[in-house]
Amino acid sequence: MLADTSPTPDGPVRSRKDLPVGMPDHLDPDALMKPGDVAQLFHVAPKTISRWEQSGVLSAVRTAGGHRRFATRSVYELVDALGVASGHLEEVGGR
């Protein structure tokens, strides 16, 4: 079993209780996810994830090449906010 805390790049220890509930222990909350990976988690098309970003449901950062990336923490916070582990969530963002 993993410890309740994990080191951060800055040195302090971060508690698992500060992370989204549904987020697996092996994922880095500061890592970035590709739209296809987020879409797979929610069982929607990558275009739906783009629409969610455009409507403000999810925040994205852009790579130097202009590609969207989503913070793992933000993705799993949305999972928690919707009260699902994953599922058919096409209606998020009004689409």
PDB file of N, CA and C in Angstrom:
ATOM      1  N   MET A   1       0.842  -1.185   0.000  1.00  0.00           N
ATOM      2  CA  MET A   1       0.000   0.000   0.000  1.00  0.00           C
ATOM      3  C   MET A   1       0.886   1.247   0.000  1.00  0.00           C
ATOM      4  N   LEU A   2       0.479   2.243  -0.763  1.00  0.00           N
ATOM      5  CA  LEU A   2       1.248   3.475  -0.840  1.00  0.00           C
ATOM      6  C   LEU A   2       1.050   4.329   0.402  1.00  0.00           C
ATOM      7  N   ALA A   3       2.051   5.084   0.703  1.00  0.00           N
ATOM      8  CA  ALA A   3       1.967   5.990   1.846  1.00  0.00           C
ATOM      9  C   ALA A   3       0.938   7.078   1.583  1.00  0.00           C
ATOM     10  N   ASP A   4       0.504   7.729   2.631  1.00  0.00           N
ATOM     11  CA  ASP A   4      -0.511   8.779   2.525  1.00  0.00           C
ATOM     12  C   ASP A   4       0.060  10.062   1.941  1.00  0.00           C
ATOM     13  N   THR A   5       1.382  10.144   1.814  1.00  0.00           N
ATOM     14  CA  THR A   5       2.009  11.368   1.314  1.00  0.00           C
ATOM     15  C   THR A   5       2.964  11.028   0.193  1.00  0.00           C
ATOM     16  N   SER A   6       3.264  12.036  -0.627  1.00  0.00           N
ATOM     17  CA  SER A   6       4.238  11.860  -1.701  1.00  0.00           C
ATOM     18  C   SER A   6       5.050  13.134  -1.842  1.00  0.00           C
ATOM     19  N   PRO A   7       6.332  12.995  -2.203  1.00  0.00           N
ATOM     20  CA  PRO A   7       7.161  14.195  -2.350  1.00  0.00           C
ATOM     21  C   PRO A   7       6.739  15.005  -3.572  1.00  0.00           C
ATOM     22  N   THR A   8       6.958  16.291  -3.517  1.00  0.00           N
ATOM     23  CA  THR A   8       6.677  17.169  -4.643  1.00  0.00           C
ATOM     24  C   THR A   8       7.998  17.684  -5.195  1.00  0.00           C
ATOM     25  N   PRO A   9       8.012  18.236  -6.400  1.00  0.00           N
ATOM     26  CA  PRO A   9       9.270  18.754  -6.952  1.00  0.00           C
ATOM     27  C   PRO A   9       9.899  19.839  -6.078  1.00  0.00           C
ATOM     28  N   ASP A  10       9.092  20.577  -5.328  1.00  0.00           N
ATOM     29  CA  ASP A  10       9.599  21.649  -4.478  1.00  0.00           C
ATOM     30  C   ASP A  10      10.154  21.140  -3.157  1.00  0.00           C
ATOM     31  N   GLY A  11       9.959  19.864  -2.865  1.00  0.00           N
ATOM     32  CA  GLY A  11      10.486  19.317  -1.635  1.00  0.00           C
ATOM     33  C   GLY A  11       9.449  19.011  -0.571  1.00  0.00           C
ATOM     34  N   PRO A  12       8.406  19.868  -0.364  1.00  0.00           N
ATOM     35  CA  PRO A  12       7.446  19.540   0.686  1.00  0.00           C
ATOM     36  C   PRO A  12       6.659  18.280   0.340  1.00  0.00           C
ATOM     37  N   VAL A  13       6.093  17.708   1.353  1.00  0.00           N
ATOM     38  CA  VAL A  13       5.298  16.508   1.162  1.00  0.00           C
ATOM     39  C   VAL A  13       3.838  16.913   0.964  1.00  0.00           C
ATOM     40  N   ARG A  14       3.230  16.308  -0.058  1.00  0.00           N
ATOM     41  CA  ARG A  14       1.824  16.582  -0.365  1.00  0.00           C
ATOM     42  C   ARG A  14       0.998  15.401   0.123  1.00  0.00           C
ATOM     43  N   SER A  15      -0.069  15.683   0.775  1.00  0.00           N
ATOM     44  CA  SER A  15      -0.945  14.636   1.282  1.00  0.00           C
ATOM     45  C   SER A  15      -1.890  14.162   0.188  1.00  0.00           C
ATOM     46  N   ARG A  16      -2.164  12.864   0.148  1.00  0.00           N
ATOM     47  CA  ARG A  16      -3.113  12.314  -0.819  1.00  0.00           C
ATOM     48  C   ARG A  16      -4.498  12.914  -0.605  1.00  0.00           C
ATOM     49  N   LYS A  17      -4.804  13.346   0.610  1.00  0.00           N
ATOM     50  CA  LYS A  17      -6.125  13.903   0.864  1.00  0.00           C
ATOM     51  C   LYS A  17      -6.339  15.234   0.143  1.00  0.00           C
ATOM     52  N   ASP A  18      -5.252  15.860  -0.358  1.00  0.00           N
ATOM     53  CA  ASP A  18      -5.363  17.095  -1.115  1.00  0.00           C
ATOM     54  C   ASP A  18      -5.648  16.841  -2.595  1.00  0.00           C
ATOM     55  N   LEU A  19      -5.619  15.580  -3.002  1.00  0.00           N
ATOM     56  CA  LEU A  19      -5.826  15.232  -4.399  1.00  0.00           C
ATOM     57  C   LEU A  19      -7.265  14.785  -4.629  1.00  0.00           C
ATOM     58  N   PRO A  20      -7.727  14.851  -5.876  1.00  0.00           N
ATOM     59  CA  PRO A  20      -9.088  14.386  -6.172  1.00  0.00           C
ATOM     60  C   PRO A  20      -9.279  12.938  -5.735  1.00  0.00           C
ATOM     61  N   VAL A  21     -10.458  12.635  -5.228  1.00  0.00           N
ATOM     62  CA  VAL A  21     -10.760  11.317  -4.661  1.00  0.00           C
ATOM     63  C   VAL A  21     -10.595  10.202  -5.681  1.00  0.00           C
ATOM     64  N   GLY A  22     -11.092  10.390  -6.880  1.00  0.00           N
ATOM     65  CA  GLY A  22     -11.070   9.324  -7.882  1.00  0.00           C
ATOM     66  C   GLY A  22      -9.759   9.153  -8.608  1.00  0.00           C
ATOM     67  N   MET A  23      -8.758   9.945  -8.260  1.00  0.00           N
ATOM     68  CA  MET A  23      -7.486   9.905  -8.976  1.00  0.00           C
ATOM     69  C   MET A  23      -6.635   8.733  -8.498  1.00  0.00           C
ATOM     70  N   PRO A  24      -6.233   7.857  -9.418  1.00  0.00           N
ATOM     71  CA  PRO A  24      -5.393   6.716  -9.027  1.00  0.00           C
ATOM     72  C   PRO A  24      -4.064   7.175  -8.426  1.00  0.00           C
ATOM     73  N   ASP A  25      -3.554   6.401  -7.480  1.00  0.00           N
ATOM     74  CA  ASP A  25      -2.322   6.744  -6.770  1.00  0.00           C
ATOM     75  C   ASP A  25      -1.106   6.864  -7.684  1.00  0.00           C
ATOM     76  N   HIS A  26      -1.072   6.105  -8.759  1.00  0.00           N
ATOM     77  CA  HIS A  26       0.123   6.083  -9.606  1.00  0.00           C
ATOM     78  C   HIS A  26       0.231   7.294 -10.540  1.00  0.00           C
ATOM     79  N   LEU A  27      -0.792   8.126 -10.629  1.00  0.00           N
ATOM     80  CA  LEU A  27      -0.756   9.279 -11.524  1.00  0.00           C
ATOM     81  C   LEU A  27      -0.160  10.507 -10.842  1.00  0.00           C
ATOM     82  N   ASP A  28       0.609  11.258 -11.602  1.00  0.00           N
ATOM     83  CA  ASP A  28       1.177  12.510 -11.125  1.00  0.00           C
ATOM     84  C   ASP A  28       0.137  13.600 -11.344  1.00  0.00           C
ATOM     85  N   PRO A  29      -0.340  14.262 -10.289  1.00  0.00           N
ATOM     86  CA  PRO A  29      -1.380  15.277 -10.448  1.00  0.00           C
ATOM     87  C   PRO A  29      -0.934  16.483 -11.264  1.00  0.00           C
ATOM     88  N   ASP A  30       0.376  16.671 -11.389  1.00  0.00           N
ATOM     89  CA  ASP A  30       0.900  17.813 -12.138  1.00  0.00           C
ATOM     90  C   ASP A  30       1.222  17.469 -13.591  1.00  0.00           C
ATOM     91  N   ALA A  31       1.042  16.217 -13.967  1.00  0.00           N
ATOM     92  CA  ALA A  31       1.297  15.804 -15.350  1.00  0.00           C
ATOM     93  C   ALA A  31       0.200  16.348 -16.260  1.00  0.00           C
ATOM     94  N   LEU A  32       0.513  16.391 -17.536  1.00  0.00           N
ATOM     95  CA  LEU A  32      -0.462  16.862 -18.519  1.00  0.00           C
ATOM     96  C   LEU A  32      -0.988  15.691 -19.341  1.00  0.00           C
ATOM     97  N   MET A  33      -2.271  15.751 -19.651  1.00  0.00           N
ATOM     98  CA  MET A  33      -2.922  14.701 -20.425  1.00  0.00           C
ATOM     99  C   MET A  33      -3.295  15.221 -21.807  1.00  0.00           C
ATOM    100  N   LYS A  34      -3.206  14.354 -22.801  1.00  0.00           N
ATOM    101  CA  LYS A  34      -3.619  14.685 -24.157  1.00  0.00           C
ATOM    102  C   LYS A  34      -5.149  14.598 -24.241  1.00  0.00           C
ATOM    103  N   PRO A  35      -5.751  15.343 -25.166  1.00  0.00           N
ATOM    104  CA  PRO A  35      -7.212  15.296 -25.313  1.00  0.00           C
ATOM    105  C   PRO A  35      -7.755  13.884 -25.528  1.00  0.00           C
ATOM    106  N   GLY A  36      -7.045  13.059 -26.278  1.00  0.00           N
ATOM    107  CA  GLY A  36      -7.504  11.688 -26.512  1.00  0.00           C
ATOM    108  C   GLY A  36      -7.543  10.862 -25.237  1.00  0.00           C
ATOM    109  N   ASP A  37      -6.579  11.090 -24.343  1.00  0.00           N
ATOM    110  CA  ASP A  37      -6.553  10.364 -23.073  1.00  0.00           C
ATOM    111  C   ASP A  37      -7.710  10.796 -22.175  1.00  0.00           C
ATOM    112  N   VAL A  38      -7.986  12.107 -22.175  1.00  0.00           N
ATOM    113  CA  VAL A  38      -9.108  12.622 -21.383  1.00  0.00           C
ATOM    114  C   VAL A  38     -10.420  12.083 -21.956  1.00  0.00           C
ATOM    115  N   ALA A  39     -10.534  12.084 -23.270  1.00  0.00           N
ATOM    116  CA  ALA A  39     -11.750  11.589 -23.930  1.00  0.00           C
ATOM    117  C   ALA A  39     -11.983  10.117 -23.600  1.00  0.00           C
ATOM    118  N   GLN A  40     -10.926   9.338 -23.574  1.00  0.00           N
ATOM    119  CA  GLN A  40     -11.046   7.921 -23.251  1.00  0.00           C
ATOM    120  C   GLN A  40     -11.546   7.723 -21.819  1.00  0.00           C
ATOM    121  N   LEU A  41     -11.073   8.544 -20.910  1.00  0.00           N
ATOM    122  CA  LEU A  41     -11.502   8.462 -19.520  1.00  0.00           C
ATOM    123  C   LEU A  41     -13.001   8.708 -19.382  1.00  0.00           C
ATOM    124  N   PHE A  42     -13.514   9.697 -20.141  1.00  0.00           N
ATOM    125  CA  PHE A  42     -14.928  10.059 -20.061  1.00  0.00           C
ATOM    126  C   PHE A  42     -15.801   9.342 -21.083  1.00  0.00           C
ATOM    127  N   HIS A  43     -15.207   8.520 -21.927  1.00  0.00           N
ATOM    128  CA  HIS A  43     -15.954   7.791 -22.965  1.00  0.00           C
ATOM    129  C   HIS A  43     -16.660   8.749 -23.917  1.00  0.00           C
ATOM    130  N   VAL A  44     -15.935   9.772 -24.350  1.00  0.00           N
ATOM    131  CA  VAL A  44     -16.451  10.729 -25.323  1.00  0.00           C
ATOM    132  C   VAL A  44     -15.398  10.901 -26.416  1.00  0.00           C
ATOM    133  N   ALA A  45     -15.754  11.604 -27.472  1.00  0.00           N
ATOM    134  CA  ALA A  45     -14.819  11.877 -28.566  1.00  0.00           C
ATOM    135  C   ALA A  45     -13.849  12.991 -28.166  1.00  0.00           C
ATOM    136  N   PRO A  46     -12.638  12.976 -28.709  1.00  0.00           N
ATOM    137  CA  PRO A  46     -11.696  14.061 -28.429  1.00  0.00           C
ATOM    138  C   PRO A  46     -12.266  15.441 -28.781  1.00  0.00           C
ATOM    139  N   LYS A  47     -13.101  15.516 -29.795  1.00  0.00           N
ATOM    140  CA  LYS A  47     -13.729  16.788 -30.165  1.00  0.00           C
ATOM    141  C   LYS A  47     -14.599  17.300 -29.015  1.00  0.00           C
ATOM    142  N   THR A  48     -15.235  16.404 -28.281  1.00  0.00           N
ATOM    143  CA  THR A  48     -16.046  16.802 -27.129  1.00  0.00           C
ATOM    144  C   THR A  48     -15.165  17.464 -26.076  1.00  0.00           C
ATOM    145  N   ILE A  49     -13.969  16.935 -25.877  1.00  0.00           N
ATOM    146  CA  ILE A  49     -13.048  17.520 -24.905  1.00  0.00           C
ATOM    147  C   ILE A  49     -12.654  18.925 -25.353  1.00  0.00           C
ATOM    148  N   SER A  50     -12.435  19.108 -26.639  1.00  0.00           N
ATOM    149  CA  SER A  50     -12.137  20.448 -27.172  1.00  0.00           C
ATOM    150  C   SER A  50     -13.297  21.400 -26.912  1.00  0.00           C
ATOM    151  N   ARG A  51     -14.504  20.916 -27.087  1.00  0.00           N
ATOM    152  CA  ARG A  51     -15.688  21.752 -26.826  1.00  0.00           C
ATOM    153  C   ARG A  51     -15.796  22.100 -25.346  1.00  0.00           C
ATOM    154  N   TRP A  52     -15.488  21.143 -24.481  1.00  0.00           N
ATOM    155  CA  TRP A  52     -15.519  21.411 -23.043  1.00  0.00           C
ATOM    156  C   TRP A  52     -14.508  22.498 -22.695  1.00  0.00           C
ATOM    157  N   GLU A  53     -13.346  22.457 -23.332  1.00  0.00           N
ATOM    158  CA  GLU A  53     -12.327  23.484 -23.083  1.00  0.00           C
ATOM    159  C   GLU A  53     -12.816  24.841 -23.587  1.00  0.00           C
ATOM    160  N   GLN A  54     -13.405  24.869 -24.758  1.00  0.00           N
ATOM    161  CA  GLN A  54     -13.901  26.125 -25.331  1.00  0.00           C
ATOM    162  C   GLN A  54     -15.036  26.720 -24.500  1.00  0.00           C
ATOM    163  N   SER A  55     -15.837  25.864 -23.867  1.00  0.00           N
ATOM    164  CA  SER A  55     -16.957  26.359 -23.060  1.00  0.00           C
ATOM    165  C   SER A  55     -16.585  26.594 -21.597  1.00  0.00           C
ATOM    166  N   GLY A  56     -15.330  26.297 -21.220  1.00  0.00           N
ATOM    167  CA  GLY A  56     -14.872  26.572 -19.867  1.00  0.00           C
ATOM    168  C   GLY A  56     -15.064  25.444 -18.875  1.00  0.00           C
ATOM    169  N   VAL A  57     -15.501  24.288 -19.326  1.00  0.00           N
ATOM    170  CA  VAL A  57     -15.682  23.149 -18.424  1.00  0.00           C
ATOM    171  C   VAL A  57     -14.326  22.626 -17.953  1.00  0.00           C
ATOM    172  N   LEU A  58     -13.353  22.575 -18.849  1.00  0.00           N
ATOM    173  CA  LEU A  58     -11.987  22.159 -18.533  1.00  0.00           C
ATOM    174  C   LEU A  58     -11.025  23.248 -18.983  1.00  0.00           C
ATOM    175  N   SER A  59      -9.947  23.421 -18.236  1.00  0.00           N
ATOM    176  CA  SER A  59      -8.908  24.373 -18.628  1.00  0.00           C
ATOM    177  C   SER A  59      -7.788  23.617 -19.319  1.00  0.00           C
ATOM    178  N   ALA A  60      -7.243  24.225 -20.346  1.00  0.00           N
ATOM    179  CA  ALA A  60      -6.139  23.607 -21.075  1.00  0.00           C
ATOM    180  C   ALA A  60      -4.973  24.579 -21.159  1.00  0.00           C
ATOM    181  N   VAL A  61      -3.803  24.016 -21.280  1.00  0.00           N
ATOM    182  CA  VAL A  61      -2.623  24.794 -21.622  1.00  0.00           C
ATOM    183  C   VAL A  61      -2.265  24.391 -23.041  1.00  0.00           C
ATOM    184  N   ARG A  62      -1.534  25.245 -23.703  1.00  0.00           N
ATOM    185  CA  ARG A  62      -1.132  24.954 -25.081  1.00  0.00           C
ATOM    186  C   ARG A  62       0.366  24.679 -25.122  1.00  0.00           C
ATOM    187  N   THR A  63       0.726  23.686 -25.909  1.00  0.00           N
ATOM    188  CA  THR A  63       2.141  23.395 -26.121  1.00  0.00           C
ATOM    189  C   THR A  63       2.708  24.441 -27.074  1.00  0.00           C
ATOM    190  N   ALA A  64       4.018  24.421 -27.258  1.00  0.00           N
ATOM    191  CA  ALA A  64       4.650  25.343 -28.210  1.00  0.00           C
ATOM    192  C   ALA A  64       4.072  25.156 -29.611  1.00  0.00           C
ATOM    193  N   GLY A  65       3.629  23.956 -29.926  1.00  0.00           N
ATOM    194  CA  GLY A  65       3.039  23.665 -31.230  1.00  0.00           C
ATOM    195  C   GLY A  65       1.552  23.956 -31.305  1.00  0.00           C
ATOM    196  N   GLY A  66       0.961  24.459 -30.206  1.00  0.00           N
ATOM    197  CA  GLY A  66      -0.449  24.827 -30.197  1.00  0.00           C
ATOM    198  C   GLY A  66      -1.415  23.720 -29.817  1.00  0.00           C
ATOM    199  N   HIS A  67      -0.902  22.587 -29.359  1.00  0.00           N
ATOM    200  CA  HIS A  67      -1.767  21.475 -28.974  1.00  0.00           C
ATOM    201  C   HIS A  67      -2.267  21.646 -27.542  1.00  0.00           C
ATOM    202  N   ARG A  68      -3.504  21.209 -27.295  1.00  0.00           N
ATOM    203  CA  ARG A  68      -4.089  21.297 -25.954  1.00  0.00           C
ATOM    204  C   ARG A  68      -3.538  20.195 -25.061  1.00  0.00           C
ATOM    205  N   ARG A  69      -3.310  20.563 -23.808  1.00  0.00           N
ATOM    206  CA  ARG A  69      -2.965  19.589 -22.770  1.00  0.00           C
ATOM    207  C   ARG A  69      -3.753  19.960 -21.525  1.00  0.00           C
ATOM    208  N   PHE A  70      -4.179  18.948 -20.784  1.00  0.00           N
ATOM    209  CA  PHE A  70      -5.030  19.144 -19.614  1.00  0.00           C
ATOM    210  C   PHE A  70      -4.323  18.620 -18.372  1.00  0.00           C
ATOM    211  N   ALA A  71      -4.346  19.400 -17.296  1.00  0.00           N
ATOM    212  CA  ALA A  71      -3.729  18.976 -16.038  1.00  0.00           C
ATOM    213  C   ALA A  71      -4.496  17.788 -15.477  1.00  0.00           C
ATOM    214  N   THR A  72      -3.759  16.743 -15.134  1.00  0.00           N
ATOM    215  CA  THR A  72      -4.371  15.527 -14.591  1.00  0.00           C
ATOM    216  C   THR A  72      -5.251  15.857 -13.394  1.00  0.00           C
ATOM    217  N   ARG A  73      -4.768  16.731 -12.527  1.00  0.00           N
ATOM    218  CA  ARG A  73      -5.537  17.124 -11.343  1.00  0.00           C
ATOM    219  C   ARG A  73      -6.880  17.724 -11.752  1.00  0.00           C
ATOM    220  N   SER A  74      -6.893  18.616 -12.732  1.00  0.00           N
ATOM    221  CA  SER A  74      -8.137  19.259 -13.176  1.00  0.00           C
ATOM    222  C   SER A  74      -9.119  18.255 -13.764  1.00  0.00           C
ATOM    223  N   VAL A  75      -8.583  17.310 -14.511  1.00  0.00           N
ATOM    224  CA  VAL A  75      -9.442  16.287 -15.114  1.00  0.00           C
ATOM    225  C   VAL A  75     -10.127  15.475 -14.023  1.00  0.00           C
ATOM    226  N   TYR A  76      -9.359  15.038 -13.033  1.00  0.00           N
ATOM    227  CA  TYR A  76      -9.944  14.221 -11.966  1.00  0.00           C
ATOM    228  C   TYR A  76     -10.801  15.048 -11.011  1.00  0.00           C
ATOM    229  N   GLU A  77     -10.556  16.343 -10.908  1.00  0.00           N
ATOM    230  CA  GLU A  77     -11.462  17.201 -10.138  1.00  0.00           C
ATOM    231  C   GLU A  77     -12.824  17.252 -10.826  1.00  0.00           C
ATOM    232  N   LEU A  78     -12.843  17.275 -12.159  1.00  0.00           N
ATOM    233  CA  LEU A  78     -14.112  17.237 -12.887  1.00  0.00           C
ATOM    234  C   LEU A  78     -14.810  15.901 -12.670  1.00  0.00           C
ATOM    235  N   VAL A  79     -14.053  14.821 -12.689  1.00  0.00           N
ATOM    236  CA  VAL A  79     -14.621  13.497 -12.410  1.00  0.00           C
ATOM    237  C   VAL A  79     -15.295  13.514 -11.034  1.00  0.00           C
ATOM    238  N   ASP A  80     -14.599  14.052 -10.032  1.00  0.00           N
ATOM    239  CA  ASP A  80     -15.157  14.116  -8.679  1.00  0.00           C
ATOM    240  C   ASP A  80     -16.380  15.025  -8.618  1.00  0.00           C
ATOM    241  N   ALA A  81     -16.303  16.184  -9.279  1.00  0.00           N
ATOM    242  CA  ALA A  81     -17.409  17.144  -9.244  1.00  0.00           C
ATOM    243  C   ALA A  81     -18.682  16.561  -9.858  1.00  0.00           C
ATOM    244  N   LEU A  82     -18.496  15.729 -10.868  1.00  0.00           N
ATOM    245  CA  LEU A  82     -19.654  15.118 -11.516  1.00  0.00           C
ATOM    246  C   LEU A  82     -20.137  13.882 -10.779  1.00  0.00           C
ATOM    247  N   GLY A  83     -19.345  13.437  -9.812  1.00  0.00           N
ATOM    248  CA  GLY A  83     -19.753  12.301  -8.995  1.00  0.00           C
ATOM    249  C   GLY A  83     -19.713  10.982  -9.726  1.00  0.00           C
ATOM    250  N   VAL A  84     -18.806  10.849 -10.668  1.00  0.00           N
ATOM    251  CA  VAL A  84     -18.687   9.606 -11.421  1.00  0.00           C
ATOM    252  C   VAL A  84     -17.236   9.172 -11.473  1.00  0.00           C
ATOM    253  N   ALA A  85     -17.008   7.871 -11.655  1.00  0.00           N
ATOM    254  CA  ALA A  85     -15.652   7.384 -11.868  1.00  0.00           C
ATOM    255  C   ALA A  85     -15.275   7.618 -13.323  1.00  0.00           C
ATOM    256  N   SER A  86     -16.181   7.351 -14.201  1.00  0.00           N
ATOM    257  CA  SER A  86     -16.105   7.685 -15.621  1.00  0.00           C
ATOM    258  C   SER A  86     -17.441   7.254 -16.207  1.00  0.00           C
ATOM    259  N   GLY A  87     -17.757   7.743 -17.344  1.00  0.00           N
ATOM    260  CA  GLY A  87     -19.036   7.369 -17.932  1.00  0.00           C
ATOM    261  C   GLY A  87     -19.350   8.194 -19.132  1.00  0.00           C
ATOM    262  N   HIS A  88     -20.575   8.123 -19.554  1.00  0.00           N
ATOM    263  CA  HIS A  88     -21.003   8.859 -20.737  1.00  0.00           C
ATOM    264  C   HIS A  88     -21.441  10.262 -20.296  1.00  0.00           C
ATOM    265  N   LEU A  89     -20.578  11.226 -20.539  1.00  0.00           N
ATOM    266  CA  LEU A  89     -20.795  12.574 -20.018  1.00  0.00           C
ATOM    267  C   LEU A  89     -20.898  13.596 -21.147  1.00  0.00           C
ATOM    268  N   GLU A  90     -21.463  13.208 -22.277  1.00  0.00           N
ATOM    269  CA  GLU A  90     -21.537  14.094 -23.427  1.00  0.00           C
ATOM    270  C   GLU A  90     -22.258  15.393 -23.099  1.00  0.00           C
ATOM    271  N   GLU A  91     -23.100  15.403 -22.079  1.00  0.00           N
ATOM    272  CA  GLU A  91     -23.913  16.579 -21.792  1.00  0.00           C
ATOM    273  C   GLU A  91     -23.172  17.639 -21.006  1.00  0.00           C
ATOM    274  N   VAL A  92     -21.985  17.349 -20.519  1.00  0.00           N
ATOM    275  CA  VAL A  92     -21.200  18.347 -19.821  1.00  0.00           C
ATOM    276  C   VAL A  92     -20.863  19.446 -20.810  1.00  0.00           C
ATOM    277  N   GLY A  93     -21.008  20.669 -20.428  1.00  0.00           N
ATOM    278  CA  GLY A  93     -20.676  21.765 -21.302  1.00  0.00           C
ATOM    279  C   GLY A  93     -21.785  22.139 -22.268  1.00  0.00           C
ATOM    280  N   GLY A  94     -22.967  21.571 -22.091  1.00  0.00           N
ATOM    281  CA  GLY A  94     -24.115  21.955 -22.889  1.00  0.00           C
ATOM    282  C   GLY A  94     -24.157  21.379 -24.278  1.00  0.00           C
ATOM    283  N   ARG A  95     -23.412  20.335 -24.543  1.00  0.00           N
ATOM    284  CA  ARG A  95     -23.432  19.736 -25.885  1.00  0.00           C
ATOM    285  C   ARG A  95     -24.132  18.417 -25.845  1.00  0.00           C
TER     286      ARG A  95
END
